[in-house]
Amino acid sequence: MRMAELSRETGVSVPMIKFYLREGLLPGGERTSPNQARYGAAHVRRIKLLRAMAEYGGLSLADIRALLARLDEPGGGLHERLGAAQRTVMPHREPGEGERWEAAARRAQELIARHGWRQHPDSPAMRAVTGVLASLDELGYEEMLTRLDAYAEAAGRIAQADVEAVASAPEVERMVEIVVACTPLGDTLVAALRRIAQSSISGRLFGEEGGKGEEGC
């Protein structure tokens, strides 16, 4: 297909496709003349992945470039390549300090170990968990801290569904697209479903009539 057809197929403008080409994010097409090139299904997949990373993943050009460099490296296991995608969409936070942070870090590591998971203690995800636990402790929300295993069990079930969805994809680039695009979308979906469930459970627990669309806790 020509570039105009590629644009129609992907929903990405011709100027943006040319930008991808100039930046080396999209491989060049097969030259048919000095000023013409032919593009194929691989180009469609790559452009859709670039769009997903920018629009849904909120990634910067530098992040996209670094991620694609990892994905295009020869060798390397699928787990490592998908891990690179996940780390790219995870916000990076600076570690805290002091006794409260250290206590929260120990609590986070113990929680992860109890559920048989593995994670580097200095990873972005572990920093996020530690920061939340430190905040809950500082605010005195023991009601939440005593239920961490219930939250972890729910997260485990969601993660299982996520990984099964990724595993069902027919190709690596599609797998990466699911990780990059669907992680933030999945976060939004889970948060919305959580609030709907909170409203319904609150109504049953506290004696209010449910099912009328009213806001809950």
Protein backbone atom coordinates (compact mmCIF):
# COMPACT_ATOMS: atom_id res chain seq x y z
CA MET A 1 0.00 0.00 0.00
CA ARG A 2 1.03 3.62 -0.56
CA MET A 3 1.46 6.08 2.27
CA ALA A 4 -2.01 7.55 1.73
CA GLU A 5 -3.50 4.07 2.09
CA LEU A 6 -1.34 3.46 5.16
CA SER A 7 -2.74 6.64 6.67
CA ARG A 8 -6.33 5.54 6.02
CA GLU A 9 -5.66 2.07 7.40
CA THR A 10 -4.13 3.30 10.65
CA GLY A 11 -6.01 6.55 11.21
CA VAL A 12 -2.67 8.38 11.51
CA SER A 13 -2.01 11.41 9.32
CA VAL A 14 0.57 11.37 6.53
CA PRO A 15 2.67 14.09 8.23
CA MET A 16 2.79 12.00 11.41
CA ILE A 17 3.81 8.89 9.48
CA LYS A 18 6.60 10.90 7.85
CA PHE A 19 7.64 12.05 11.32
CA TYR A 20 7.82 8.43 12.49
CA LEU A 21 9.99 7.62 9.49
CA ARG A 22 12.33 10.58 10.06
CA GLU A 23 12.72 9.67 13.73
CA GLY A 24 13.53 6.06 12.92
CA LEU A 25 10.49 4.79 14.83
CA LEU A 26 9.01 3.26 11.69
CA PRO A 27 11.12 1.28 9.21
CA GLY A 28 11.11 2.54 5.65
CA GLY A 29 8.94 0.92 3.04
CA GLU A 30 10.01 -0.98 -0.06
CA ARG A 31 11.16 1.56 -2.65
CA THR A 32 9.24 1.37 -5.92
CA SER A 33 10.66 4.66 -7.31
CA PRO A 34 12.87 7.49 -6.02
CA ASN A 35 9.84 9.19 -4.47
CA GLN A 36 7.51 6.27 -3.79
CA ALA A 37 7.52 3.35 -1.36
CA ARG A 38 5.25 0.41 -0.63
CA TYR A 39 4.16 -0.44 2.94
CA GLY A 40 2.73 -3.61 4.40
CA ALA A 41 1.04 -5.19 7.41
CA ALA A 42 4.15 -4.81 9.58
CA HIS A 43 4.02 -1.04 9.09
CA VAL A 44 0.35 -0.99 10.04
CA ARG A 45 1.09 -2.90 13.24
CA ARG A 46 4.02 -0.67 14.15
CA ILE A 47 2.06 2.56 13.59
CA LYS A 48 -0.83 1.29 15.69
CA LEU A 49 1.64 0.39 18.43
CA LEU A 50 3.23 3.86 18.26
CA ARG A 51 -0.19 5.46 18.48
CA ALA A 52 -1.17 3.29 21.46
CA MET A 53 2.04 4.12 23.30
CA ALA A 54 1.58 7.85 22.76
CA GLU A 55 -2.19 8.20 23.19
CA TYR A 56 -3.07 5.51 25.73
CA GLY A 57 0.26 4.95 27.42
CA GLY A 58 1.06 8.67 27.58
CA LEU A 59 4.69 7.96 26.72
CA SER A 60 7.18 10.57 25.63
CA LEU A 61 9.13 10.26 22.40
CA ALA A 62 12.23 9.32 24.40
CA ASP A 63 10.32 6.56 26.24
CA ILE A 64 8.90 5.21 22.98
CA ARG A 65 12.34 5.20 21.37
CA ALA A 66 13.87 3.37 24.33
CA LEU A 67 11.07 0.81 24.41
CA LEU A 68 11.28 0.10 20.69
CA ALA A 69 15.05 -0.31 20.97
CA ARG A 70 14.49 -3.01 23.59
CA LEU A 71 11.77 -4.70 21.55
CA ASP A 72 13.88 -4.74 18.39
CA GLU A 73 16.96 -6.19 20.09
CA PRO A 74 17.81 -9.67 18.81
CA GLY A 75 17.33 -12.41 21.36
CA GLY A 76 15.92 -11.90 24.80
CA GLY A 77 12.95 -13.73 26.23
CA LEU A 78 9.34 -12.68 25.85
CA HIS A 79 9.04 -12.14 29.60
CA GLU A 80 11.90 -9.63 29.55
CA ARG A 81 10.52 -7.79 26.52
CA LEU A 82 7.05 -7.49 28.02
CA GLY A 83 8.63 -6.44 31.31
CA ALA A 84 10.33 -3.58 29.50
CA ALA A 85 6.94 -2.49 28.16
CA GLN A 86 5.35 -2.63 31.60
CA ARG A 87 8.16 -0.66 33.23
CA THR A 88 7.80 2.01 30.57
CA VAL A 89 4.13 2.67 31.37
CA MET A 90 4.69 2.60 35.15
CA PRO A 91 5.17 6.07 36.67
CA HIS A 92 8.58 6.50 38.27
CA ARG A 93 8.70 7.86 41.81
CA GLU A 94 11.62 8.83 43.94
CA PRO A 95 12.09 6.68 47.07
CA GLY A 96 11.21 8.17 50.42
CA GLU A 97 13.34 8.17 53.51
CA GLY A 98 13.06 7.85 57.26
CA GLU A 99 11.74 5.20 59.61
CA ARG A 100 8.17 5.31 58.29
CA TRP A 101 9.33 4.68 54.71
CA GLU A 102 11.63 1.84 55.81
CA ALA A 103 8.83 0.24 57.82
CA ALA A 104 6.46 0.55 54.85
CA ALA A 105 9.09 -0.97 52.55
CA ARG A 106 9.42 -3.99 54.87
CA ARG A 107 5.65 -4.35 55.01
CA ALA A 108 5.43 -4.18 51.21
CA GLN A 109 8.14 -6.81 50.76
CA GLU A 110 6.46 -9.12 53.28
CA LEU A 111 3.13 -8.71 51.48
CA ILE A 112 4.66 -9.55 48.12
CA ALA A 113 6.47 -12.57 49.59
CA ARG A 114 3.29 -13.91 51.23
CA HIS A 115 1.61 -14.06 47.84
CA GLY A 116 4.55 -15.79 46.18
CA TRP A 117 5.34 -12.88 43.88
CA ARG A 118 8.79 -11.64 42.93
CA GLN A 119 9.70 -7.99 42.46
CA HIS A 120 12.86 -5.97 42.91
CA PRO A 121 12.47 -3.87 46.08
CA ASP A 122 13.54 -0.72 44.19
CA SER A 123 11.25 -1.18 41.17
CA PRO A 124 8.72 1.56 40.28
CA ALA A 125 5.85 -0.70 41.33
CA MET A 126 7.40 -1.46 44.71
CA ARG A 127 8.10 2.22 45.30
CA ALA A 128 4.45 2.97 44.55
CA VAL A 129 3.22 0.29 46.97
CA THR A 130 5.65 1.47 49.64
CA GLY A 131 4.55 5.08 49.21
CA VAL A 132 0.88 4.17 49.61
CA LEU A 133 1.57 2.07 52.69
CA ALA A 134 3.64 4.85 54.23
CA SER A 135 0.79 7.31 53.62
CA LEU A 136 -1.81 4.95 55.11
CA ASP A 137 0.38 4.52 58.17
CA GLU A 138 0.93 8.25 58.55
CA LEU A 139 -2.82 8.90 58.34
CA GLY A 140 -3.58 6.09 60.79
CA TYR A 141 -5.75 4.05 58.41
CA GLU A 142 -5.32 0.69 60.12
CA GLU A 143 -8.67 -0.36 58.65
CA MET A 144 -6.94 -0.46 55.25
CA LEU A 145 -3.59 -1.79 56.43
CA THR A 146 -5.17 -4.83 58.07
CA ARG A 147 -6.80 -5.78 54.76
CA LEU A 148 -3.74 -5.67 52.52
CA ASP A 149 -3.94 -9.38 51.73
CA ALA A 150 -7.50 -8.99 50.46
CA TYR A 151 -6.32 -6.21 48.14
CA ALA A 152 -3.40 -8.36 46.99
CA GLU A 153 -5.68 -11.34 46.29
CA ALA A 154 -7.95 -9.15 44.16
CA ALA A 155 -4.93 -7.73 42.33
CA GLY A 156 -3.70 -11.27 41.68
CA ARG A 157 -6.97 -12.24 40.02
CA ILE A 158 -6.90 -9.12 37.85
CA ALA A 159 -3.26 -9.76 36.93
CA GLN A 160 -4.11 -13.33 35.95
CA ALA A 161 -6.77 -12.04 33.55
CA ASP A 162 -4.30 -9.46 32.20
CA VAL A 163 -1.59 -12.02 31.49
CA GLU A 164 -4.07 -14.44 29.92
CA ALA A 165 -5.21 -11.64 27.60
CA VAL A 166 -1.61 -10.92 26.63
CA ALA A 167 -0.87 -14.61 26.09
CA SER A 168 -3.85 -14.94 23.74
CA ALA A 169 -2.42 -12.34 21.35
CA PRO A 170 -1.09 -13.81 18.09
CA GLU A 171 2.21 -11.89 17.91
CA VAL A 172 4.74 -10.08 20.08
CA GLU A 173 3.89 -6.58 18.87
CA ARG A 174 0.23 -7.20 19.65
CA MET A 175 1.23 -8.42 23.11
CA VAL A 176 3.25 -5.27 23.72
CA GLU A 177 0.38 -3.12 22.46
CA ILE A 178 -1.93 -4.78 24.99
CA VAL A 179 0.53 -4.14 27.81
CA VAL A 180 1.11 -0.50 26.84
CA ALA A 181 -2.42 0.50 25.83
CA CYS A 182 -4.51 -1.67 28.10
CA THR A 183 -2.62 -1.18 31.36
CA PRO A 184 -3.83 2.43 31.82
CA LEU A 185 -7.24 1.58 30.35
CA GLY A 186 -7.47 -1.43 32.65
CA ASP A 187 -6.57 0.75 35.64
CA THR A 188 -9.46 3.07 34.76
CA LEU A 189 -11.84 0.13 34.26
CA VAL A 190 -10.93 -1.48 37.58
CA ALA A 191 -11.25 1.84 39.43
CA ALA A 192 -14.71 2.47 37.94
CA LEU A 193 -15.92 -1.07 38.70
CA ARG A 194 -14.56 -0.72 42.24
CA ARG A 195 -16.63 2.39 42.82
CA ILE A 196 -19.78 0.75 41.46
CA ALA A 197 -19.19 -2.23 43.74
CA GLN A 198 -18.52 0.07 46.71
CA SER A 199 -21.86 1.78 46.14
CA SER A 200 -23.76 -1.49 45.93
CA ILE A 201 -22.05 -3.10 48.93
CA SER A 202 -22.43 0.07 51.00
CA GLY A 203 -26.15 0.08 50.29
CA ARG A 204 -26.53 -3.54 51.42
CA LEU A 205 -24.28 -3.13 54.46
CA PHE A 206 -25.74 0.09 55.79
CA GLY A 207 -29.37 -0.64 54.98
CA GLU A 208 -29.89 1.75 52.07
CA GLU A 209 -31.78 0.67 48.99
CA GLY A 210 -29.43 -0.19 46.18
CA GLY A 211 -29.81 -0.43 42.46
CA LYS A 212 -31.05 3.15 41.92
CA GLY A 213 -27.82 4.54 40.55
CA GLU A 214 -27.11 6.69 43.62
CA GLU A 215 -23.54 7.44 44.61
CA GLY A 216 -22.08 5.35 47.38
CA CYS A 217 -19.03 5.72 49.56
